[in-house]
């Protein structure tokens, strides 16, 4: 049976992923106490600690790396440890331990600058375009992708970077409609990424949203990801808002 390490296991996204990891042995880690993972081995520690991380990856077949500071408005000082240093420590440890696959949670914020600038009507962001983060948080995800590429190019460790949209049970306002990732589609995407015969890639993790602006065609072609949910189903039942991509960046630009 496959053993998968899930980092950031005490977080909300991990909690929504959990039902999708049936049939695998799970080791769940976080800086906080991990609860709600019945049947999983749980550990508490900091991924910037090389000794803790080496022990965490020992004996696992794959890693789903969700641990991060997810706040777009966070400062570099707040983001560096969890979003940069921890990524380096984890990928280095996974490579040294002979782990075969890391599924790395990136973010649509890594490409959000294209959306912030304004896309032509009907246009979508191509995952193959140069990275263009919309905030410091997005920049840390660009770094994570770049380091992942370096590690993957240097050896047998496969790394797939998933640029996740807003993972919430349902959109909270109209700003979420373009980048929503339904929990069910999150599970489909991660399971597809764990199984795909791909050595490295970057893919948008979004649902099949009518108003979507992130092109996930390569995730369908290379991973077999086929999202089933559409944020448009909620469009008439939610309030107007700008809470979808990067409210912090919009507020900063407005002064």
Protein backbone atom coordinates (compact mmCIF):
# COMPACT_ATOMS: atom_id res chain seq x y z
CA UNK A 1 0.00 0.00 0.00
CA UNK A 2 1.23 3.49 -0.85
CA UNK A 3 2.25 5.74 2.05
CA UNK A 4 1.65 9.45 1.56
CA UNK A 5 2.96 12.25 3.76
CA UNK A 6 0.53 15.18 4.00
CA UNK A 7 2.00 18.41 5.32
CA UNK A 8 -0.13 21.22 6.68
CA UNK A 9 -2.52 18.49 7.79
CA UNK A 10 -4.19 20.66 10.45
CA UNK A 11 -5.24 23.20 7.83
CA UNK A 12 -8.59 23.69 6.13
CA UNK A 13 -7.46 22.56 2.69
CA UNK A 14 -6.01 19.35 4.07
CA UNK A 15 -9.25 18.70 5.90
CA UNK A 16 -11.15 18.97 2.62
CA UNK A 17 -8.63 16.70 0.89
CA UNK A 18 -8.78 13.98 3.55
CA UNK A 19 -11.82 12.07 2.16
CA UNK A 20 -9.99 11.74 -1.14
CA UNK A 21 -7.08 9.78 0.29
CA UNK A 22 -8.86 6.49 0.84
CA UNK A 23 -6.83 3.40 0.11
CA UNK A 24 -3.48 4.88 1.12
CA UNK A 25 -1.57 4.99 4.37
CA UNK A 26 -1.27 8.60 5.51
CA UNK A 27 1.33 10.28 7.69
CA UNK A 28 -0.05 13.71 8.64
CA UNK A 29 2.20 16.50 9.96
CA UNK A 30 1.78 20.12 10.98
CA UNK A 31 3.21 22.68 13.36
CA UNK A 32 -0.07 22.32 15.27
CA UNK A 33 -1.70 19.24 16.72
CA UNK A 34 -3.28 17.22 13.92
CA UNK A 35 -6.83 16.01 14.51
CA UNK A 36 -9.52 14.54 12.29
CA UNK A 37 -7.21 12.10 10.51
CA UNK A 38 -8.47 8.83 11.95
CA UNK A 39 -6.19 5.96 11.07
CA UNK A 40 -3.30 8.21 10.08
CA UNK A 41 0.05 8.51 11.81
CA UNK A 42 0.36 12.10 13.05
CA UNK A 43 3.41 14.14 13.97
CA UNK A 44 3.92 17.72 15.13
CA UNK A 45 6.94 19.74 14.08
CA UNK A 46 8.39 22.44 11.85
CA UNK A 47 9.40 21.62 8.28
CA UNK A 48 12.22 24.16 8.44
CA UNK A 49 13.87 21.74 10.90
CA UNK A 50 15.97 19.33 8.79
CA UNK A 51 15.90 16.57 11.41
CA UNK A 52 12.11 16.66 11.78
CA UNK A 53 11.62 16.77 8.02
CA UNK A 54 14.04 13.92 7.34
CA UNK A 55 12.14 11.76 9.81
CA UNK A 56 8.80 12.83 8.34
CA UNK A 57 9.69 11.73 4.79
CA UNK A 58 11.45 8.53 5.83
CA UNK A 59 9.63 5.53 4.41
CA UNK A 60 6.95 7.39 2.44
CA UNK A 61 6.29 6.91 -1.27
CA UNK A 62 4.88 10.37 -1.98
CA UNK A 63 4.31 13.76 -0.38
CA UNK A 64 1.37 16.13 -0.68
CA UNK A 65 2.84 19.43 0.48
CA UNK A 66 0.10 21.80 1.64
CA UNK A 67 1.90 23.53 4.52
CA UNK A 68 2.30 27.29 4.01
CA UNK A 69 1.37 30.72 5.23
CA UNK A 70 -1.59 31.36 2.86
CA UNK A 71 -2.08 35.09 3.46
CA UNK A 72 -1.52 37.30 0.38
CA UNK A 73 -0.99 40.32 2.64
CA UNK A 74 1.69 38.69 4.78
CA UNK A 75 5.15 40.22 4.89
CA UNK A 76 8.28 38.51 3.54
CA UNK A 77 9.43 37.94 7.11
CA UNK A 78 6.21 36.04 7.81
CA UNK A 79 6.33 34.09 4.54
CA UNK A 80 9.98 33.14 4.24
CA UNK A 81 10.03 30.30 6.76
CA UNK A 82 6.88 28.38 5.84
CA UNK A 83 6.78 29.24 2.12
CA UNK A 84 10.44 29.21 1.09
CA UNK A 85 12.76 27.66 3.67
CA UNK A 86 10.37 24.80 4.41
CA UNK A 87 10.00 24.01 0.70
CA UNK A 88 13.76 23.73 0.28
CA UNK A 89 14.13 21.57 3.38
CA UNK A 90 11.27 19.30 2.35
CA UNK A 91 12.33 18.81 -1.27
CA UNK A 92 15.94 18.20 -0.28
CA UNK A 93 14.84 15.65 2.32
CA UNK A 94 12.47 13.93 -0.10
CA UNK A 95 15.21 13.67 -2.72
CA UNK A 96 17.70 12.28 -0.19
CA UNK A 97 15.15 9.73 1.10
CA UNK A 98 14.31 8.40 -2.36
CA UNK A 99 10.70 9.61 -2.35
CA UNK A 100 9.26 9.17 -5.83
CA UNK A 101 6.70 11.99 -6.06
CA UNK A 102 5.97 15.33 -4.41
CA UNK A 103 2.68 17.06 -5.16
CA UNK A 104 3.44 20.67 -4.26
CA UNK A 105 0.65 23.14 -3.55
CA UNK A 106 1.40 26.32 -5.45
CA UNK A 107 -1.26 28.96 -6.06
CA UNK A 108 -3.04 30.90 -8.80
CA UNK A 109 -1.37 33.90 -7.14
CA UNK A 110 1.83 32.82 -8.90
CA UNK A 111 0.17 33.98 -12.14
CA UNK A 112 -2.24 36.52 -10.71
CA UNK A 113 -0.42 39.50 -12.19
CA UNK A 114 -1.99 38.72 -15.55
CA UNK A 115 -5.44 38.92 -14.01
CA UNK A 116 -4.59 42.08 -12.07
CA UNK A 117 -3.47 43.78 -15.28
CA UNK A 118 -6.69 42.78 -17.03
CA UNK A 119 -7.26 40.04 -19.58
CA UNK A 120 -9.01 40.59 -22.91
CA UNK A 121 -12.63 39.39 -22.92
CA UNK A 122 -12.75 35.60 -23.10
CA UNK A 123 -9.00 35.18 -22.60
CA UNK A 124 -7.49 32.82 -20.06
CA UNK A 125 -4.10 32.60 -18.38
CA UNK A 126 -1.92 29.96 -20.04
CA UNK A 127 0.01 27.87 -17.49
CA UNK A 128 3.03 27.98 -19.77
CA UNK A 129 3.37 31.76 -19.64
CA UNK A 130 6.21 33.25 -17.55
CA UNK A 131 5.35 33.47 -13.87
CA UNK A 132 3.77 36.77 -12.86
CA UNK A 133 2.78 36.89 -9.18
CA UNK A 134 0.27 39.42 -7.92
CA UNK A 135 1.66 39.67 -4.37
CA UNK A 136 4.52 38.62 -2.12
CA UNK A 137 2.70 35.40 -1.28
CA UNK A 138 2.48 34.64 -5.00
CA UNK A 139 6.19 35.34 -5.35
CA UNK A 140 6.98 32.71 -2.73
CA UNK A 141 4.98 30.21 -4.78
CA UNK A 142 6.98 31.13 -7.88
CA UNK A 143 10.14 30.44 -5.91
CA UNK A 144 8.74 27.08 -4.77
CA UNK A 145 7.99 26.10 -8.36
CA UNK A 146 11.45 27.15 -9.51
CA UNK A 147 13.21 25.21 -6.77
CA UNK A 148 10.99 22.20 -7.46
CA UNK A 149 12.03 22.32 -11.12
CA UNK A 150 15.70 22.42 -10.12
CA UNK A 151 15.31 19.38 -7.87
CA UNK A 152 13.28 17.43 -10.44
CA UNK A 153 15.78 18.18 -13.20
CA UNK A 154 18.61 16.93 -11.00
CA UNK A 155 17.38 13.44 -10.22
CA UNK A 156 14.65 10.86 -9.87
CA UNK A 157 12.30 12.88 -7.67
CA UNK A 158 9.16 13.89 -9.58
CA UNK A 159 7.47 17.14 -8.54
CA UNK A 160 4.08 18.32 -9.76
CA UNK A 161 3.10 21.87 -8.82
CA UNK A 162 -0.62 22.52 -8.46
CA UNK A 163 -1.58 26.19 -8.65
CA UNK A 164 -4.62 25.91 -6.45
CA UNK A 165 -7.47 28.36 -6.64
CA UNK A 166 -9.73 29.21 -3.72
CA UNK A 167 -10.57 25.93 -2.01
CA UNK A 168 -13.83 26.53 -0.16
CA UNK A 169 -17.03 24.47 -0.02
CA UNK A 170 -18.82 27.10 -2.10
CA UNK A 171 -17.91 30.55 -3.47
CA UNK A 172 -18.29 33.30 -0.88
CA UNK A 173 -18.81 36.20 -3.31
CA UNK A 174 -18.65 36.85 -7.05
CA UNK A 175 -14.91 37.38 -6.83
CA UNK A 176 -14.52 33.66 -6.17
CA UNK A 177 -16.26 32.61 -9.38
CA UNK A 178 -13.18 32.79 -11.63
CA UNK A 179 -10.80 30.76 -9.48
CA UNK A 180 -12.90 28.44 -7.30
CA UNK A 181 -11.68 24.91 -6.61
CA UNK A 182 -14.43 22.74 -5.18
CA UNK A 183 -13.35 20.25 -2.49
CA UNK A 184 -14.44 17.35 -4.69
CA UNK A 185 -12.32 18.62 -7.58
CA UNK A 186 -9.39 19.15 -5.22
CA UNK A 187 -9.55 15.46 -4.38
CA UNK A 188 -9.75 14.48 -8.03
CA UNK A 189 -6.80 16.72 -8.88
CA UNK A 190 -4.52 15.48 -6.11
CA UNK A 191 -5.29 11.81 -6.81
CA UNK A 192 -4.59 12.43 -10.49
CA UNK A 193 -1.30 14.15 -9.65
CA UNK A 194 -0.21 11.30 -7.40
CA UNK A 195 -0.79 8.75 -10.16
CA UNK A 196 0.29 10.59 -13.34
CA UNK A 197 3.27 9.48 -15.40
CA UNK A 198 4.85 12.95 -15.44
CA UNK A 199 8.22 14.00 -14.04
CA UNK A 200 7.58 17.72 -13.60
CA UNK A 201 4.80 20.16 -14.40
CA UNK A 202 2.80 23.18 -13.27
CA UNK A 203 -0.98 23.01 -13.45
CA UNK A 204 -3.86 25.26 -12.48
CA UNK A 205 -6.07 23.68 -9.85
CA UNK A 206 -9.50 25.12 -10.51
CA UNK A 207 -12.96 23.75 -11.12
CA UNK A 208 -14.77 23.84 -14.47
CA UNK A 209 -15.90 27.42 -13.88
CA UNK A 210 -17.94 29.18 -16.54
CA UNK A 211 -16.20 32.45 -15.62
CA UNK A 212 -12.82 30.80 -15.12
CA UNK A 213 -9.69 32.63 -16.23
CA UNK A 214 -7.09 29.90 -15.57
CA UNK A 215 -6.54 27.34 -18.32
CA UNK A 216 -6.34 23.82 -16.88
CA UNK A 217 -6.15 22.01 -20.25
CA UNK A 218 -2.65 20.67 -19.55
CA UNK A 219 -3.91 19.16 -16.28
CA UNK A 220 -6.55 17.30 -18.27
CA UNK A 221 -4.12 16.21 -20.98
CA UNK A 222 -1.17 15.23 -18.77
CA UNK A 223 -2.78 14.24 -15.47
CA UNK A 224 -6.23 13.13 -16.56
CA UNK A 225 -7.86 15.75 -14.34
CA UNK A 226 -11.49 16.37 -15.22
CA UNK A 227 -13.22 18.77 -12.82
CA UNK A 228 -16.93 18.24 -12.32
CA UNK A 229 -18.07 21.38 -10.48
CA UNK A 230 -18.79 24.90 -11.76
CA UNK A 231 -18.92 28.01 -9.58
CA UNK A 232 -21.69 29.35 -11.82
CA UNK A 233 -24.13 27.14 -9.92
CA UNK A 234 -23.80 29.61 -7.03
CA UNK A 235 -23.67 32.85 -9.02
CA UNK A 236 -27.23 33.90 -8.28
CA UNK A 237 -27.03 33.12 -4.57
CA UNK A 238 -23.92 35.06 -3.48
CA UNK A 239 -23.10 38.70 -2.96
CA UNK A 240 -20.98 40.87 -5.22
CA UNK A 241 -17.37 41.13 -4.12
CA UNK A 242 -13.70 41.06 -5.03
CA UNK A 243 -12.64 38.27 -2.71
CA UNK A 244 -11.51 35.88 -5.40
CA UNK A 245 -7.88 36.40 -6.31
CA UNK A 246 -5.95 39.04 -4.42
CA UNK A 247 -7.92 41.64 -2.52
CA UNK A 248 -4.71 42.71 -0.80
CA UNK A 249 -3.07 43.61 -4.12
CA UNK A 250 -6.14 45.55 -5.26
CA UNK A 251 -6.18 47.53 -2.02
CA UNK A 252 -2.47 48.27 -2.30
CA UNK A 253 -2.83 49.53 -5.88
CA UNK A 254 -5.72 51.76 -4.85
CA UNK A 255 -3.57 53.36 -2.17
